[in-house]
Amino acid sequence: MACATATVSFAFRLPPRAPYTRVSHSSSVDVPLLNKFSSLKLSSSSCISGSTLPHRLCTVKPTRIQHLTIVSAKGYKMKTHKASAKRFRVTGRGKIVRRRAGKQHLLAKKNTKRKLRLSKMHPVSRADYDNVIGALPYLKVNRNVT
């Protein structure tokens, strides 16, 4: 007598009077075949059908699923110094610019030309770039621009 082995991970039907039918822990089923003309058919409804197949429902428990937590090794997230973020900006070419000092108070004694000059943005010195970039790590600065 020949035996057929099918590996499944879903509910299937076994024959009611098949003496050699067993379900193992590895989710394989041994079903005896009577002759070469009777065969097993796996339908789209996930059932095994044939002339020697059962009508009782037997379920195979799937193996336990192990959940994995993937941890990236990026390191510590840099923090932006918020006071510096309010004082510095980046131009379209990647230069860091700042405001001039002296335009907050006592404006009555300053002439118009001086106040206009103090209103404009001024590029940060190259010597101070490392300090500004250290305080603002995510600032998109072009270091090659002079």
N, C-alpha and C. Protein backbone atom coordinates (compact mmCIF):
# COMPACT_ATOMS: atom_id res chain seq x y z
N MET A 1 0.84 -1.17 0.00
CA MET A 1 0.00 0.00 0.00
C MET A 1 0.89 1.24 0.00
N ALA A 2 0.66 2.17 -0.90
CA ALA A 2 1.47 3.37 -1.03
C ALA A 2 0.92 4.47 -0.13
N CYS A 3 1.79 5.37 0.33
CA CYS A 3 1.37 6.49 1.16
C CYS A 3 1.79 7.79 0.49
N ALA A 4 0.94 8.80 0.62
CA ALA A 4 1.26 10.12 0.09
C ALA A 4 1.46 11.07 1.27
N THR A 5 2.41 11.96 1.17
CA THR A 5 2.69 12.91 2.24
C THR A 5 2.45 14.32 1.71
N ALA A 6 1.66 15.09 2.46
CA ALA A 6 1.39 16.48 2.09
C ALA A 6 1.70 17.37 3.29
N THR A 7 2.41 18.44 3.07
CA THR A 7 2.72 19.38 4.14
C THR A 7 1.76 20.55 4.04
N VAL A 8 1.00 20.79 5.12
CA VAL A 8 -0.01 21.84 5.13
C VAL A 8 0.09 22.63 6.41
N SER A 9 -0.46 23.84 6.39
CA SER A 9 -0.51 24.67 7.59
C SER A 9 -1.89 25.31 7.73
N PHE A 10 -2.94 24.55 7.39
CA PHE A 10 -4.30 25.04 7.47
C PHE A 10 -5.20 23.90 7.89
N ALA A 11 -6.49 24.15 8.03
CA ALA A 11 -7.44 23.11 8.42
C ALA A 11 -7.69 22.19 7.23
N PHE A 12 -7.79 20.89 7.50
CA PHE A 12 -8.05 19.94 6.43
C PHE A 12 -8.91 18.81 6.96
N ARG A 13 -9.48 18.03 6.04
CA ARG A 13 -10.38 16.93 6.41
C ARG A 13 -9.66 15.59 6.24
N LEU A 14 -9.88 14.69 7.20
CA LEU A 14 -9.29 13.36 7.15
C LEU A 14 -10.38 12.33 6.92
N PRO A 15 -10.06 11.15 6.36
CA PRO A 15 -11.08 10.11 6.15
C PRO A 15 -11.60 9.57 7.48
N PRO A 16 -12.90 9.25 7.55
CA PRO A 16 -13.46 8.78 8.82
C PRO A 16 -12.94 7.41 9.22
N ARG A 17 -12.63 6.54 8.27
CA ARG A 17 -12.21 5.18 8.59
C ARG A 17 -10.88 4.85 7.94
N ALA A 18 -9.94 5.73 8.01
CA ALA A 18 -8.61 5.45 7.46
C ALA A 18 -7.73 5.00 8.63
N PRO A 19 -7.41 3.74 8.72
CA PRO A 19 -6.68 3.24 9.90
C PRO A 19 -5.23 3.72 9.97
N TYR A 20 -4.63 4.08 8.85
CA TYR A 20 -3.22 4.46 8.86
C TYR A 20 -3.01 5.97 8.77
N THR A 21 -4.04 6.75 9.07
CA THR A 21 -3.93 8.21 8.96
C THR A 21 -3.45 8.78 10.29
N ARG A 22 -2.43 9.61 10.24
CA ARG A 22 -1.94 10.24 11.46
C ARG A 22 -1.49 11.67 11.12
N VAL A 23 -1.51 12.54 12.12
CA VAL A 23 -1.05 13.91 11.98
C VAL A 23 0.13 14.08 12.91
N SER A 24 1.28 14.45 12.35
CA SER A 24 2.47 14.62 13.18
C SER A 24 2.64 16.10 13.53
N HIS A 25 3.62 16.38 14.39
CA HIS A 25 3.85 17.76 14.83
C HIS A 25 4.49 18.61 13.74
N SER A 26 5.05 18.01 12.74
CA SER A 26 5.69 18.77 11.68
C SER A 26 4.71 19.14 10.57
N SER A 27 3.44 19.06 10.84
CA SER A 27 2.37 19.45 9.92
C SER A 27 2.37 18.63 8.64
N SER A 28 2.76 17.35 8.71
CA SER A 28 2.65 16.50 7.53
C SER A 28 1.60 15.44 7.79
N VAL A 29 0.91 15.02 6.76
CA VAL A 29 -0.18 14.06 6.87
C VAL A 29 0.13 12.88 5.99
N ASP A 30 0.05 11.66 6.55
CA ASP A 30 0.22 10.44 5.77
C ASP A 30 -1.16 9.84 5.53
N VAL A 31 -1.58 9.77 4.27
CA VAL A 31 -2.89 9.25 3.92
C VAL A 31 -2.68 8.04 3.01
N PRO A 32 -3.24 6.86 3.37
CA PRO A 32 -3.05 5.67 2.51
C PRO A 32 -3.84 5.80 1.21
N LEU A 33 -3.22 5.40 0.13
CA LEU A 33 -3.88 5.39 -1.17
C LEU A 33 -4.22 3.94 -1.51
N LEU A 34 -5.45 3.70 -1.97
CA LEU A 34 -5.89 2.34 -2.23
C LEU A 34 -5.32 1.80 -3.53
N ASN A 35 -5.29 2.59 -4.57
CA ASN A 35 -4.69 2.16 -5.83
C ASN A 35 -4.16 3.37 -6.55
N LYS A 36 -3.59 3.14 -7.72
CA LYS A 36 -2.99 4.26 -8.42
C LYS A 36 -4.03 5.19 -9.05
N PHE A 37 -5.30 4.80 -9.09
CA PHE A 37 -6.33 5.64 -9.68
C PHE A 37 -6.95 6.60 -8.66
N SER A 38 -6.92 6.23 -7.37
CA SER A 38 -7.44 7.17 -6.37
C SER A 38 -6.31 8.10 -5.95
N SER A 39 -6.52 9.36 -6.07
CA SER A 39 -5.48 10.33 -5.78
C SER A 39 -6.03 11.44 -4.89
N LEU A 40 -5.12 12.19 -4.31
CA LEU A 40 -5.52 13.32 -3.48
C LEU A 40 -5.61 14.57 -4.33
N LYS A 41 -6.62 15.36 -4.06
CA LYS A 41 -6.79 16.61 -4.78
C LYS A 41 -6.83 17.74 -3.76
N LEU A 42 -6.06 18.77 -3.99
CA LEU A 42 -6.03 19.93 -3.10
C LEU A 42 -6.85 21.03 -3.75
N SER A 43 -8.02 21.31 -3.19
CA SER A 43 -8.91 22.30 -3.82
C SER A 43 -8.55 23.70 -3.34
N SER A 44 -9.17 24.70 -3.95
CA SER A 44 -8.88 26.08 -3.61
C SER A 44 -9.45 26.46 -2.25
N SER A 45 -10.36 25.63 -1.70
CA SER A 45 -10.93 25.92 -0.39
C SER A 45 -10.08 25.33 0.72
N SER A 46 -8.85 24.95 0.42
CA SER A 46 -7.87 24.44 1.37
C SER A 46 -8.32 23.16 2.05
N CYS A 47 -8.95 22.25 1.31
CA CYS A 47 -9.35 20.95 1.84
C CYS A 47 -8.74 19.87 0.97
N ILE A 48 -8.44 18.71 1.57
CA ILE A 48 -7.97 17.56 0.81
C ILE A 48 -9.20 16.72 0.49
N SER A 49 -9.42 16.46 -0.79
CA SER A 49 -10.61 15.71 -1.18
C SER A 49 -10.20 14.46 -1.94
N GLY A 50 -10.97 13.41 -1.83
CA GLY A 50 -10.70 12.14 -2.50
C GLY A 50 -11.71 11.10 -2.08
N SER A 51 -11.56 9.85 -2.56
CA SER A 51 -12.55 8.83 -2.24
C SER A 51 -12.38 8.29 -0.82
N THR A 52 -11.19 8.37 -0.24
CA THR A 52 -10.96 7.80 1.08
C THR A 52 -10.81 8.88 2.15
N LEU A 53 -11.34 10.09 1.92
CA LEU A 53 -11.10 11.20 2.82
C LEU A 53 -12.22 11.37 3.83
N PRO A 54 -11.91 11.92 5.01
CA PRO A 54 -12.89 12.00 6.10
C PRO A 54 -13.79 13.21 6.00
N HIS A 55 -14.76 13.25 6.90
CA HIS A 55 -15.67 14.39 6.98
C HIS A 55 -15.52 15.10 8.31
N ARG A 56 -14.69 14.61 9.20
CA ARG A 56 -14.47 15.32 10.46
C ARG A 56 -13.36 16.35 10.25
N LEU A 57 -13.43 17.42 10.97
CA LEU A 57 -12.49 18.52 10.80
C LEU A 57 -11.35 18.39 11.81
N CYS A 58 -10.14 18.48 11.33
CA CYS A 58 -8.96 18.37 12.19
C CYS A 58 -8.07 19.57 11.86
N THR A 59 -7.64 20.27 12.88
CA THR A 59 -6.80 21.44 12.64
C THR A 59 -5.38 21.15 13.09
N VAL A 60 -4.45 21.70 12.35
CA VAL A 60 -3.03 21.60 12.69
C VAL A 60 -2.61 22.94 13.26
N LYS A 61 -2.02 22.94 14.45
CA LYS A 61 -1.60 24.20 15.07
C LYS A 61 -0.32 24.68 14.40
N PRO A 62 -0.30 25.94 13.98
CA PRO A 62 0.93 26.46 13.38
C PRO A 62 1.99 26.67 14.46
N THR A 63 3.22 26.69 14.02
CA THR A 63 4.31 26.92 14.97
C THR A 63 4.25 28.34 15.49
N ARG A 64 4.83 28.59 16.64
CA ARG A 64 4.82 29.92 17.23
C ARG A 64 5.62 30.89 16.40
N ILE A 65 5.09 32.09 16.26
CA ILE A 65 5.77 33.12 15.49
C ILE A 65 6.64 33.92 16.45
N GLN A 66 7.91 34.03 16.13
CA GLN A 66 8.83 34.80 16.95
C GLN A 66 8.83 36.24 16.43
N HIS A 67 8.56 37.20 17.32
CA HIS A 67 8.59 38.60 16.93
C HIS A 67 9.99 39.14 17.16
N LEU A 68 10.53 39.80 16.16
CA LEU A 68 11.87 40.36 16.26
C LEU A 68 11.78 41.87 16.33
N THR A 69 12.55 42.45 17.22
CA THR A 69 12.66 43.89 17.31
C THR A 69 13.99 44.30 16.72
N ILE A 70 13.94 45.12 15.68
CA ILE A 70 15.16 45.56 15.02
C ILE A 70 15.55 46.91 15.61
N VAL A 71 16.73 46.96 16.14
CA VAL A 71 17.23 48.19 16.74
C VAL A 71 18.35 48.71 15.87
N SER A 72 18.21 49.95 15.44
CA SER A 72 19.24 50.52 14.60
C SER A 72 20.37 51.06 15.47
N ALA A 73 21.55 51.05 14.93
CA ALA A 73 22.72 51.47 15.68
C ALA A 73 23.18 52.84 15.21
N LYS A 74 22.26 53.80 15.21
CA LYS A 74 22.61 55.14 14.75
C LYS A 74 23.31 55.94 15.83
N GLY A 75 23.05 55.63 17.07
CA GLY A 75 23.66 56.39 18.15
C GLY A 75 22.74 57.47 18.67
N TYR A 76 23.28 58.38 19.41
CA TYR A 76 22.50 59.42 20.07
C TYR A 76 22.01 60.45 19.06
N LYS A 77 20.79 60.89 19.23
CA LYS A 77 20.21 61.89 18.34
C LYS A 77 20.67 63.27 18.80
N MET A 78 21.26 64.01 17.88
CA MET A 78 21.77 65.34 18.21
C MET A 78 20.60 66.30 18.44
N LYS A 79 20.77 67.21 19.39
CA LYS A 79 19.72 68.18 19.69
C LYS A 79 20.11 69.55 19.16
N THR A 80 19.11 70.26 18.64
CA THR A 80 19.32 71.61 18.13
C THR A 80 19.26 72.60 19.28
N HIS A 81 20.20 73.52 19.32
CA HIS A 81 20.18 74.60 20.31
C HIS A 81 19.17 75.64 19.83
N LYS A 82 18.04 75.73 20.54
CA LYS A 82 16.92 76.53 20.04
C LYS A 82 17.21 78.02 20.00
N ALA A 83 18.03 78.52 20.93
CA ALA A 83 18.37 79.95 20.90
C ALA A 83 19.20 80.27 19.66
N SER A 84 20.10 79.35 19.28
CA SER A 84 20.90 79.56 18.07
C SER A 84 20.05 79.43 16.82
N ALA A 85 19.06 78.56 16.86
CA ALA A 85 18.20 78.37 15.69
C ALA A 85 17.40 79.63 15.38
N LYS A 86 17.13 80.45 16.40
CA LYS A 86 16.39 81.69 16.17
C LYS A 86 17.30 82.81 15.68
N ARG A 87 18.60 82.67 15.84
CA ARG A 87 19.54 83.74 15.50
C ARG A 87 20.23 83.57 14.15
N PHE A 88 20.31 82.33 13.67
CA PHE A 88 21.05 82.06 12.42
C PHE A 88 20.14 81.47 11.38
N ARG A 89 20.44 81.79 10.11
CA ARG A 89 19.71 81.23 8.97
C ARG A 89 20.71 80.84 7.90
N VAL A 90 20.26 80.04 6.95
CA VAL A 90 21.11 79.63 5.83
C VAL A 90 20.53 80.22 4.56
N THR A 91 21.39 80.78 3.73
CA THR A 91 20.95 81.34 2.45
C THR A 91 20.76 80.21 1.45
N GLY A 92 20.31 80.58 0.27
CA GLY A 92 20.12 79.59 -0.78
C GLY A 92 21.40 78.94 -1.24
N ARG A 93 22.52 79.65 -1.12
CA ARG A 93 23.82 79.09 -1.51
C ARG A 93 24.49 78.32 -0.40
N GLY A 94 23.88 78.30 0.79
CA GLY A 94 24.43 77.52 1.89
C GLY A 94 25.27 78.32 2.86
N LYS A 95 25.23 79.63 2.79
CA LYS A 95 25.98 80.47 3.73
C LYS A 95 25.15 80.69 5.01
N ILE A 96 25.82 80.80 6.14
CA ILE A 96 25.15 81.10 7.40
C ILE A 96 25.16 82.62 7.59
N VAL A 97 24.00 83.17 7.86
CA VAL A 97 23.89 84.62 8.06
C VAL A 97 23.26 84.90 9.42
N ARG A 98 23.51 86.11 9.93
CA ARG A 98 23.00 86.55 11.22
C ARG A 98 22.58 88.01 11.13
N ARG A 99 21.90 88.50 12.16
CA ARG A 99 21.56 89.92 12.23
C ARG A 99 22.69 90.69 12.88
N ARG A 100 22.76 91.95 12.59
CA ARG A 100 23.75 92.83 13.23
C ARG A 100 23.24 93.24 14.61
N ALA A 101 24.17 93.48 15.50
CA ALA A 101 23.81 93.97 16.83
C ALA A 101 23.60 95.48 16.80
N GLY A 102 22.79 95.99 17.72
CA GLY A 102 22.63 97.44 17.86
C GLY A 102 21.36 98.00 17.27
N LYS A 103 20.34 97.20 16.99
CA LYS A 103 19.11 97.70 16.36
C LYS A 103 17.90 97.47 17.27
N GLN A 104 18.11 97.25 18.57
CA GLN A 104 17.00 96.95 19.46
C GLN A 104 16.46 98.20 20.18
N HIS A 105 17.34 99.05 20.66
CA HIS A 105 16.88 100.22 21.43
C HIS A 105 17.83 101.39 21.19
N LEU A 106 17.48 102.53 21.74
CA LEU A 106 18.24 103.77 21.56
C LEU A 106 18.39 104.13 20.08
N LEU A 107 17.30 104.02 19.35
CA LEU A 107 17.34 104.26 17.91
C LEU A 107 17.20 105.73 17.54
N ALA A 108 16.80 106.56 18.50
CA ALA A 108 16.58 107.98 18.20
C ALA A 108 17.89 108.68 17.87
N LYS A 109 18.95 108.30 18.54
CA LYS A 109 20.23 108.96 18.29
C LYS A 109 21.02 108.35 17.13
N LYS A 110 20.51 107.29 16.51
CA LYS A 110 21.20 106.67 15.38
C LYS A 110 20.56 107.21 14.10
N ASN A 111 21.40 107.56 13.15
CA ASN A 111 20.87 108.11 11.91
C ASN A 111 20.28 107.01 11.03
N THR A 112 19.55 107.40 10.00
CA THR A 112 18.83 106.46 9.15
C THR A 112 19.77 105.52 8.41
N LYS A 113 20.89 106.05 7.94
CA LYS A 113 21.85 105.23 7.21
C LYS A 113 22.40 104.13 8.11
N ARG A 114 22.68 104.45 9.35
CA ARG A 114 23.22 103.46 10.30
C ARG A 114 22.18 102.39 10.63
N LYS A 115 20.93 102.84 10.85
CA LYS A 115 19.86 101.88 11.16
C LYS A 115 19.59 100.95 9.97
N LEU A 116 19.68 101.48 8.76
CA LEU A 116 19.48 100.65 7.56
C LEU A 116 20.59 99.62 7.42
N ARG A 117 21.81 100.03 7.73
CA ARG A 117 22.95 99.11 7.66
C ARG A 117 22.83 98.00 8.72
N LEU A 118 22.31 98.36 9.91
CA LEU A 118 22.15 97.37 10.97
C LEU A 118 20.98 96.42 10.72
N SER A 119 20.07 96.80 9.84
CA SER A 119 18.91 95.95 9.54
C SER A 119 19.25 94.77 8.63
N LYS A 120 20.31 94.89 7.86
CA LYS A 120 20.64 93.86 6.88
C LYS A 120 21.31 92.65 7.54
N MET A 121 21.15 91.50 6.89
CA MET A 121 21.78 90.27 7.37
C MET A 121 23.27 90.30 7.02
N HIS A 122 24.07 89.70 7.90
CA HIS A 122 25.52 89.71 7.73
C HIS A 122 26.02 88.27 7.78
N PRO A 123 26.92 87.89 6.85
CA PRO A 123 27.42 86.51 6.89
C PRO A 123 28.28 86.24 8.13
N VAL A 124 28.19 85.03 8.63
CA VAL A 124 28.96 84.61 9.79
C VAL A 124 30.40 84.37 9.35
N SER A 125 31.34 84.72 10.20
CA SER A 125 32.75 84.52 9.91
C SER A 125 33.07 83.03 9.81
N ARG A 126 34.03 82.69 8.95
CA ARG A 126 34.42 81.29 8.78
C ARG A 126 34.99 80.70 10.07
N ALA A 127 35.58 81.52 10.90
CA ALA A 127 36.13 81.04 12.17
C ALA A 127 35.03 80.59 13.13
N ASP A 128 33.82 81.11 12.96
CA ASP A 128 32.71 80.76 13.84
C ASP A 128 31.82 79.65 13.29
N TYR A 129 32.11 79.15 12.10
CA TYR A 129 31.26 78.11 11.49
C TYR A 129 31.17 76.86 12.35
N ASP A 130 32.30 76.41 12.92
CA ASP A 130 32.28 75.19 13.72
C ASP A 130 31.40 75.36 14.96
N ASN A 131 31.42 76.55 15.57
CA ASN A 131 30.57 76.79 16.74
C ASN A 131 29.09 76.77 16.37
N VAL A 132 28.74 77.39 15.24
CA VAL A 132 27.34 77.46 14.83
C VAL A 132 26.84 76.08 14.40
N ILE A 133 27.65 75.34 13.66
CA ILE A 133 27.25 74.01 13.20
C ILE A 133 27.16 73.05 14.38
N GLY A 134 28.00 73.22 15.41
CA GLY A 134 27.90 72.40 16.60
C GLY A 134 26.59 72.62 17.35
N ALA A 135 26.11 73.87 17.35
CA ALA A 135 24.84 74.18 18.01
C ALA A 135 23.64 73.80 17.15
N LEU A 136 23.83 73.79 15.82
CA LEU A 136 22.75 73.47 14.89
C LEU A 136 23.18 72.31 14.00
N PRO A 137 23.11 71.07 14.49
CA PRO A 137 23.67 69.94 13.74
C PRO A 137 22.94 69.61 12.44
N TYR A 138 21.66 69.98 12.31
CA TYR A 138 20.89 69.63 11.12
C TYR A 138 20.76 70.80 10.15
N LEU A 139 21.60 71.80 10.31
CA LEU A 139 21.61 72.94 9.41
C LEU A 139 22.27 72.55 8.10
N LYS A 140 21.64 72.85 6.97
CA LYS A 140 22.18 72.46 5.67
C LYS A 140 23.14 73.54 5.19
N VAL A 141 24.40 73.37 5.54
CA VAL A 141 25.43 74.37 5.27
C VAL A 141 26.34 73.87 4.18
N ASN A 142 26.69 74.76 3.25
CA ASN A 142 27.67 74.45 2.24
C ASN A 142 29.01 75.01 2.72
N ARG A 143 29.91 74.15 3.16
CA ARG A 143 31.18 74.59 3.71
C ARG A 143 32.15 75.06 2.63
N ASN A 144 31.91 74.71 1.40
CA ASN A 144 32.83 75.07 0.32
C ASN A 144 32.62 76.49 -0.22
N VAL A 145 31.47 77.10 0.08
CA VAL A 145 31.17 78.43 -0.42
C VAL A 145 31.97 79.45 0.39
N THR A 146 32.59 80.41 -0.30
CA THR A 146 33.37 81.43 0.41
C THR A 146 32.64 82.73 0.49
